[in-house]
Amino acid sequence: MIYDEHSDSELFSLVCEENEDAKDIIFMKYKYIIDIVIRKYAFSAMKFGFEYKDLYQEALVGFTDALNSFKDDKNASLSTFITLCVDRRLQNTIKKAGRIKNKIFLDSLSLDHVYDQYEIPLRDIISDNSLNDPLINITKDEEFDELLNIIGKSLSSNEYEVYKLLITGLSYTEIAEVLRKNPKQVDNAIQRIKNKVKIILKSRENA
């Protein structure tokens, strides 16, 4: 195939120069990623009335975003970065649809109606003071981001690629498809990642 004749670095340099042929070659080379990520969200999307063509259009936007924001010196390879951007786009699309559906449902109820079995209004039933406390959320987010950073630094470049895809919810076979690696290699990498994460978590508990 023609795209096998060009490295990603060469192609991306041409993309930065607005070379349309290079964009087409990259799309042909990595369009298989779109189907992999769409499969992950197909069931959830169906519940909100999305058709395949709707998801595909959103995935294309994510694909374009990846090309526009990718930097050749990033830790992640182009294939991994495309996967992350497409996944983020579809995830946000599904979440937005869910919020709209929930809002329509809640708007049809009276938030001030007092339910006999609880003796409090719906407004208080659905409230979560912990989730709504921005200070608590900031602390949790900071701790989580710090943990992800520590884990990332402990991994080899190959393990980091697998790790980035693993935390998006892809299975080891799907990760193997994205990275075009042997599933056994990916499975072995995941086991090494899990062992490193266990060690990190244990050390944080004992700190």
C-alpha atoms as a PDB file:
ATOM      1  CA  MET A   1       0.000   0.000   0.000  1.00  0.00           C
ATOM      2  CA  ILE A   2       1.214   3.510  -0.771  1.00  0.00           C
ATOM      3  CA  TYR A   3       0.940   4.761   2.815  1.00  0.00           C
ATOM      4  CA  ASP A   4       3.371   2.091   3.979  1.00  0.00           C
ATOM      5  CA  GLU A   5       6.052   3.889   1.973  1.00  0.00           C
ATOM      6  CA  HIS A   6       5.924   6.941   4.246  1.00  0.00           C
ATOM      7  CA  SER A   7       6.735   7.287   7.934  1.00  0.00           C
ATOM      8  CA  ASP A   8       4.281   9.094  10.184  1.00  0.00           C
ATOM      9  CA  SER A   9       6.858  11.850  10.743  1.00  0.00           C
ATOM     10  CA  GLU A  10       7.178  12.439   7.002  1.00  0.00           C
ATOM     11  CA  LEU A  11       3.438  12.446   6.515  1.00  0.00           C
ATOM     12  CA  PHE A  12       2.787  14.723   9.463  1.00  0.00           C
ATOM     13  CA  SER A  13       5.380  17.222   8.243  1.00  0.00           C
ATOM     14  CA  LEU A  14       3.481  17.385   4.958  1.00  0.00           C
ATOM     15  CA  VAL A  15       0.159  17.723   6.810  1.00  0.00           C
ATOM     16  CA  CYS A  16       1.574  20.755   8.648  1.00  0.00           C
ATOM     17  CA  GLU A  17       2.243  22.238   5.217  1.00  0.00           C
ATOM     18  CA  GLU A  18      -1.446  21.725   4.336  1.00  0.00           C
ATOM     19  CA  ASN A  19      -0.631  18.915   1.915  1.00  0.00           C
ATOM     20  CA  GLU A  20      -4.035  17.359   1.140  1.00  0.00           C
ATOM     21  CA  ASP A  21      -2.515  14.178  -0.285  1.00  0.00           C
ATOM     22  CA  ALA A  22      -0.701  13.560   2.991  1.00  0.00           C
ATOM     23  CA  LYS A  23      -3.954  14.084   4.917  1.00  0.00           C
ATOM     24  CA  ASP A  24      -5.674  11.542   2.669  1.00  0.00           C
ATOM     25  CA  ILE A  25      -2.852   9.038   3.161  1.00  0.00           C
ATOM     26  CA  ILE A  26      -2.989   9.381   6.955  1.00  0.00           C
ATOM     27  CA  PHE A  27      -6.763   8.975   6.893  1.00  0.00           C
ATOM     28  CA  MET A  28      -6.518   5.815   4.782  1.00  0.00           C
ATOM     29  CA  LYS A  29      -3.753   4.517   7.049  1.00  0.00           C
ATOM     30  CA  TYR A  30      -5.625   5.052  10.317  1.00  0.00           C
ATOM     31  CA  LYS A  31      -9.332   5.095   9.472  1.00  0.00           C
ATOM     32  CA  TYR A  32      -9.637   1.597  10.969  1.00  0.00           C
ATOM     33  CA  ILE A  33      -9.315   3.265  14.386  1.00  0.00           C
ATOM     34  CA  ILE A  34     -12.700   4.961  13.917  1.00  0.00           C
ATOM     35  CA  ASP A  35     -14.533   1.630  13.700  1.00  0.00           C
ATOM     36  CA  ILE A  36     -12.706   0.287  16.758  1.00  0.00           C
ATOM     37  CA  VAL A  37     -13.741   3.251  18.913  1.00  0.00           C
ATOM     38  CA  ILE A  38     -17.284   3.373  17.526  1.00  0.00           C
ATOM     39  CA  ARG A  39     -17.785  -0.275  18.546  1.00  0.00           C
ATOM     40  CA  LYS A  40     -17.018   0.752  22.117  1.00  0.00           C
ATOM     41  CA  TYR A  41     -19.846   3.313  22.180  1.00  0.00           C
ATOM     42  CA  ALA A  42     -22.351   1.636  19.853  1.00  0.00           C
ATOM     43  CA  PHE A  43     -24.659   0.308  22.589  1.00  0.00           C
ATOM     44  CA  SER A  44     -24.737   3.545  24.607  1.00  0.00           C
ATOM     45  CA  ALA A  45     -25.260   5.578  21.446  1.00  0.00           C
ATOM     46  CA  MET A  46     -28.190   3.422  20.413  1.00  0.00           C
ATOM     47  CA  LYS A  47     -29.980   4.236  23.696  1.00  0.00           C
ATOM     48  CA  PHE A  48     -29.818   7.924  22.822  1.00  0.00           C
ATOM     49  CA  GLY A  49     -30.971   7.448  19.248  1.00  0.00           C
ATOM     50  CA  PHE A  50     -27.620   7.825  17.512  1.00  0.00           C
ATOM     51  CA  GLU A  51     -27.125   6.008  14.229  1.00  0.00           C
ATOM     52  CA  TYR A  52     -23.777   4.769  12.929  1.00  0.00           C
ATOM     53  CA  LYS A  53     -23.511   7.692  10.516  1.00  0.00           C
ATOM     54  CA  ASP A  54     -23.953  10.133  13.426  1.00  0.00           C
ATOM     55  CA  LEU A  55     -21.137   8.519  15.386  1.00  0.00           C
ATOM     56  CA  TYR A  56     -18.982   8.348  12.280  1.00  0.00           C
ATOM     57  CA  GLN A  57     -19.348  12.074  11.668  1.00  0.00           C
ATOM     58  CA  GLU A  58     -18.400  12.834  15.266  1.00  0.00           C
ATOM     59  CA  ALA A  59     -15.452  10.443  14.993  1.00  0.00           C
ATOM     60  CA  LEU A  60     -14.251  12.272  11.870  1.00  0.00           C
ATOM     61  CA  VAL A  61     -14.273  15.526  13.836  1.00  0.00           C
ATOM     62  CA  GLY A  62     -12.159  13.849  16.507  1.00  0.00           C
ATOM     63  CA  PHE A  63      -9.817  12.514  13.823  1.00  0.00           C
ATOM     64  CA  THR A  64      -9.388  16.021  12.386  1.00  0.00           C
ATOM     65  CA  ASP A  65      -8.821  17.447  15.869  1.00  0.00           C
ATOM     66  CA  ALA A  66      -6.036  14.903  16.337  1.00  0.00           C
ATOM     67  CA  LEU A  67      -4.240  16.015  13.169  1.00  0.00           C
ATOM     68  CA  ASN A  68      -4.631  19.663  14.117  1.00  0.00           C
ATOM     69  CA  SER A  69      -3.261  19.286  17.642  1.00  0.00           C
ATOM     70  CA  PHE A  70      -0.730  16.435  17.328  1.00  0.00           C
ATOM     71  CA  LYS A  71       2.896  17.277  18.019  1.00  0.00           C
ATOM     72  CA  ASP A  72       5.534  14.923  16.643  1.00  0.00           C
ATOM     73  CA  ASP A  73       7.492  15.068  19.900  1.00  0.00           C
ATOM     74  CA  LYS A  74       4.569  13.801  22.006  1.00  0.00           C
ATOM     75  CA  ASN A  75       5.024  10.610  24.025  1.00  0.00           C
ATOM     76  CA  ALA A  76       2.057   9.039  22.260  1.00  0.00           C
ATOM     77  CA  SER A  77       2.347   7.802  18.699  1.00  0.00           C
ATOM     78  CA  LEU A  78       0.050   9.219  16.014  1.00  0.00           C
ATOM     79  CA  SER A  79      -2.204   6.143  16.109  1.00  0.00           C
ATOM     80  CA  THR A  80      -2.596   6.375  19.891  1.00  0.00           C
ATOM     81  CA  PHE A  81      -3.212  10.127  19.761  1.00  0.00           C
ATOM     82  CA  ILE A  82      -5.875   9.708  17.065  1.00  0.00           C
ATOM     83  CA  THR A  83      -7.552   7.019  19.175  1.00  0.00           C
ATOM     84  CA  LEU A  84      -7.589   9.252  22.257  1.00  0.00           C
ATOM     85  CA  CYS A  85      -9.038  12.212  20.336  1.00  0.00           C
ATOM     86  CA  VAL A  86     -11.736  10.138  18.620  1.00  0.00           C
ATOM     87  CA  ASP A  87     -12.590   8.462  21.922  1.00  0.00           C
ATOM     88  CA  ARG A  88     -12.835  11.813  23.720  1.00  0.00           C
ATOM     89  CA  ARG A  89     -15.083  13.219  20.988  1.00  0.00           C
ATOM     90  CA  LEU A  90     -17.503  10.275  21.108  1.00  0.00           C
ATOM     91  CA  GLN A  91     -17.446  10.169  24.899  1.00  0.00           C
ATOM     92  CA  ASN A  92     -18.371  13.853  25.133  1.00  0.00           C
ATOM     93  CA  THR A  93     -21.080  13.395  22.497  1.00  0.00           C
ATOM     94  CA  ILE A  94     -22.668  10.527  24.447  1.00  0.00           C
ATOM     95  CA  LYS A  95     -22.367  12.410  27.761  1.00  0.00           C
ATOM     96  CA  LYS A  96     -24.003  15.496  26.275  1.00  0.00           C
ATOM     97  CA  ALA A  97     -26.876  13.396  24.937  1.00  0.00           C
ATOM     98  CA  GLY A  98     -27.262  11.811  28.368  1.00  0.00           C
ATOM     99  CA  ARG A  99     -27.362  15.177  30.126  1.00  0.00           C
ATOM    100  CA  ILE A 100     -30.006  16.463  27.728  1.00  0.00           C
ATOM    101  CA  LYS A 101     -32.128  13.347  28.212  1.00  0.00           C
ATOM    102  CA  ASN A 102     -31.811  13.547  32.004  1.00  0.00           C
ATOM    103  CA  LYS A 103     -32.659  17.242  31.987  1.00  0.00           C
ATOM    104  CA  ILE A 104     -35.813  16.593  29.977  1.00  0.00           C
ATOM    105  CA  PHE A 105     -36.757  13.861  32.458  1.00  0.00           C
ATOM    106  CA  LEU A 106     -36.062  15.995  35.531  1.00  0.00           C
ATOM    107  CA  ASP A 107     -37.810  19.007  34.068  1.00  0.00           C
ATOM    108  CA  SER A 108     -40.952  16.907  33.804  1.00  0.00           C
ATOM    109  CA  LEU A 109     -40.886  16.389  37.587  1.00  0.00           C
ATOM    110  CA  SER A 110     -41.434  18.859  40.368  1.00  0.00           C
ATOM    111  CA  LEU A 111     -38.159  19.326  42.235  1.00  0.00           C
ATOM    112  CA  ASP A 112     -40.076  20.738  45.178  1.00  0.00           C
ATOM    113  CA  HIS A 113     -42.584  17.879  45.480  1.00  0.00           C
ATOM    114  CA  VAL A 114     -42.203  16.149  48.871  1.00  0.00           C
ATOM    115  CA  TYR A 115     -42.190  12.350  48.585  1.00  0.00           C
ATOM    116  CA  ASP A 116     -43.942  10.589  51.483  1.00  0.00           C
ATOM    117  CA  GLN A 117     -41.471   7.719  51.738  1.00  0.00           C
ATOM    118  CA  TYR A 118     -38.527  10.115  52.086  1.00  0.00           C
ATOM    119  CA  GLU A 119     -40.308  13.128  53.620  1.00  0.00           C
ATOM    120  CA  ILE A 120     -37.998  15.416  51.660  1.00  0.00           C
ATOM    121  CA  PRO A 121     -38.313  17.072  48.228  1.00  0.00           C
ATOM    122  CA  LEU A 122     -36.879  15.579  45.053  1.00  0.00           C
ATOM    123  CA  ARG A 123     -34.352  18.429  44.996  1.00  0.00           C
ATOM    124  CA  ASP A 124     -32.721  16.990  48.144  1.00  0.00           C
ATOM    125  CA  ILE A 125     -33.038  13.367  47.029  1.00  0.00           C
ATOM    126  CA  ILE A 126     -30.983  13.900  43.878  1.00  0.00           C
ATOM    127  CA  SER A 127     -28.521  16.274  45.548  1.00  0.00           C
ATOM    128  CA  ASP A 128     -25.075  14.985  46.462  1.00  0.00           C
ATOM    129  CA  ASN A 129     -23.269  17.470  48.678  1.00  0.00           C
ATOM    130  CA  SER A 130     -19.967  15.711  48.169  1.00  0.00           C
ATOM    131  CA  LEU A 131     -20.238  15.743  44.380  1.00  0.00           C
ATOM    132  CA  ASN A 132     -21.394  19.359  44.409  1.00  0.00           C
ATOM    133  CA  ASP A 133     -18.576  20.583  46.638  1.00  0.00           C
ATOM    134  CA  PRO A 134     -15.963  22.114  44.277  1.00  0.00           C
ATOM    135  CA  LEU A 135     -13.220  22.021  46.928  1.00  0.00           C
ATOM    136  CA  ILE A 136     -13.617  18.257  47.384  1.00  0.00           C
ATOM    137  CA  ASN A 137     -13.698  17.729  43.623  1.00  0.00           C
ATOM    138  CA  ILE A 138     -10.543  19.794  43.108  1.00  0.00           C
ATOM    139  CA  THR A 139      -8.684  17.735  45.708  1.00  0.00           C
ATOM    140  CA  LYS A 140      -9.842  14.464  44.156  1.00  0.00           C
ATOM    141  CA  ASP A 141      -8.925  15.622  40.653  1.00  0.00           C
ATOM    142  CA  GLU A 142      -5.482  16.777  41.771  1.00  0.00           C
ATOM    143  CA  GLU A 143      -4.766  13.494  43.559  1.00  0.00           C
ATOM    144  CA  PHE A 144      -5.969  11.486  40.574  1.00  0.00           C
ATOM    145  CA  ASP A 145      -3.915  13.523  38.095  1.00  0.00           C
ATOM    146  CA  GLU A 146      -0.852  13.161  40.312  1.00  0.00           C
ATOM    147  CA  LEU A 147      -1.344   9.392  40.445  1.00  0.00           C
ATOM    148  CA  LEU A 148      -1.721   9.145  36.650  1.00  0.00           C
ATOM    149  CA  ASN A 149       1.457  11.182  36.245  1.00  0.00           C
ATOM    150  CA  ILE A 150       3.415   8.896  38.592  1.00  0.00           C
ATOM    151  CA  ILE A 151       2.151   5.796  36.803  1.00  0.00           C
ATOM    152  CA  GLY A 152       2.992   7.254  33.391  1.00  0.00           C
ATOM    153  CA  LYS A 153       6.585   8.005  34.428  1.00  0.00           C
ATOM    154  CA  SER A 154       7.092   4.436  35.650  1.00  0.00           C
ATOM    155  CA  LEU A 155       6.243   2.881  32.280  1.00  0.00           C
ATOM    156  CA  SER A 156       8.360   2.182  29.233  1.00  0.00           C
ATOM    157  CA  SER A 157       7.376   3.933  25.991  1.00  0.00           C
ATOM    158  CA  ASN A 158       5.647   0.763  24.751  1.00  0.00           C
ATOM    159  CA  GLU A 159       3.822   0.258  28.051  1.00  0.00           C
ATOM    160  CA  TYR A 160       2.790   3.913  28.073  1.00  0.00           C
ATOM    161  CA  GLU A 161       1.174   3.532  24.640  1.00  0.00           C
ATOM    162  CA  VAL A 162      -0.814   0.542  25.884  1.00  0.00           C
ATOM    163  CA  TYR A 163      -1.647   2.296  29.171  1.00  0.00           C
ATOM    164  CA  LYS A 164      -3.064   5.389  27.450  1.00  0.00           C
ATOM    165  CA  LEU A 165      -5.407   3.212  25.397  1.00  0.00           C
ATOM    166  CA  LEU A 166      -6.224   0.909  28.300  1.00  0.00           C
ATOM    167  CA  ILE A 167      -7.586   3.727  30.472  1.00  0.00           C
ATOM    168  CA  THR A 168      -9.983   4.744  27.688  1.00  0.00           C
ATOM    169  CA  GLY A 169     -11.696   1.370  28.164  1.00  0.00           C
ATOM    170  CA  LEU A 170     -10.378  -0.485  25.116  1.00  0.00           C
ATOM    171  CA  SER A 171      -9.820  -4.228  25.489  1.00  0.00           C
ATOM    172  CA  TYR A 172      -6.384  -5.748  24.908  1.00  0.00           C
ATOM    173  CA  THR A 173      -7.512  -7.073  21.518  1.00  0.00           C
ATOM    174  CA  GLU A 174      -8.739  -3.615  20.484  1.00  0.00           C
ATOM    175  CA  ILE A 175      -5.474  -2.077  21.681  1.00  0.00           C
ATOM    176  CA  ALA A 176      -3.621  -4.639  19.594  1.00  0.00           C
ATOM    177  CA  GLU A 177      -5.714  -3.571  16.589  1.00  0.00           C
ATOM    178  CA  VAL A 178      -4.923   0.106  17.133  1.00  0.00           C
ATOM    179  CA  LEU A 179      -1.193  -0.430  17.627  1.00  0.00           C
ATOM    180  CA  ARG A 180      -1.068  -3.258  15.085  1.00  0.00           C
ATOM    181  CA  LYS A 181       0.691  -5.507  17.543  1.00  0.00           C
ATOM    182  CA  ASN A 182       0.286  -9.140  18.507  1.00  0.00           C
ATOM    183  CA  PRO A 183      -2.510  -9.451  21.147  1.00  0.00           C
ATOM    184  CA  LYS A 184      -0.164 -11.535  23.300  1.00  0.00           C
ATOM    185  CA  GLN A 185       2.393  -8.711  23.326  1.00  0.00           C
ATOM    186  CA  VAL A 186      -0.295  -6.267  24.446  1.00  0.00           C
ATOM    187  CA  ASP A 187      -1.582  -8.666  27.099  1.00  0.00           C
ATOM    188  CA  ASN A 188       1.958  -9.064  28.466  1.00  0.00           C
ATOM    189  CA  ALA A 189       2.359  -5.281  28.545  1.00  0.00           C
ATOM    190  CA  ILE A 190      -0.929  -4.930  30.449  1.00  0.00           C
ATOM    191  CA  GLN A 191       0.249  -7.454  33.058  1.00  0.00           C
ATOM    192  CA  ARG A 192       3.485  -5.492  33.536  1.00  0.00           C
ATOM    193  CA  ILE A 193       1.489  -2.262  33.834  1.00  0.00           C
ATOM    194  CA  LYS A 194      -0.828  -3.797  36.451  1.00  0.00           C
ATOM    195  CA  ASN A 195       2.137  -4.995  38.507  1.00  0.00           C
ATOM    196  CA  LYS A 196       3.749  -1.533  38.417  1.00  0.00           C
ATOM    197  CA  VAL A 197       0.465   0.128  39.364  1.00  0.00           C
ATOM    198  CA  LYS A 198       0.034  -2.255  42.311  1.00  0.00           C
ATOM    199  CA  ILE A 199       3.506  -1.358  43.571  1.00  0.00           C
ATOM    200  CA  ILE A 200       2.797   2.369  43.218  1.00  0.00           C
ATOM    201  CA  LEU A 201      -0.561   2.138  45.012  1.00  0.00           C
ATOM    202  CA  LYS A 202       0.962   0.065  47.806  1.00  0.00           C
ATOM    203  CA  SER A 203       3.783   2.576  48.299  1.00  0.00           C
ATOM    204  CA  ARG A 204       1.249   5.441  48.475  1.00  0.00           C
ATOM    205  CA  GLU A 205      -0.770   3.560  51.079  1.00  0.00           C
ATOM    206  CA  ASN A 206       2.327   3.039  53.228  1.00  0.00           C
ATOM    207  CA  ALA A 207       3.519   6.628  52.803  1.00  0.00           C
END
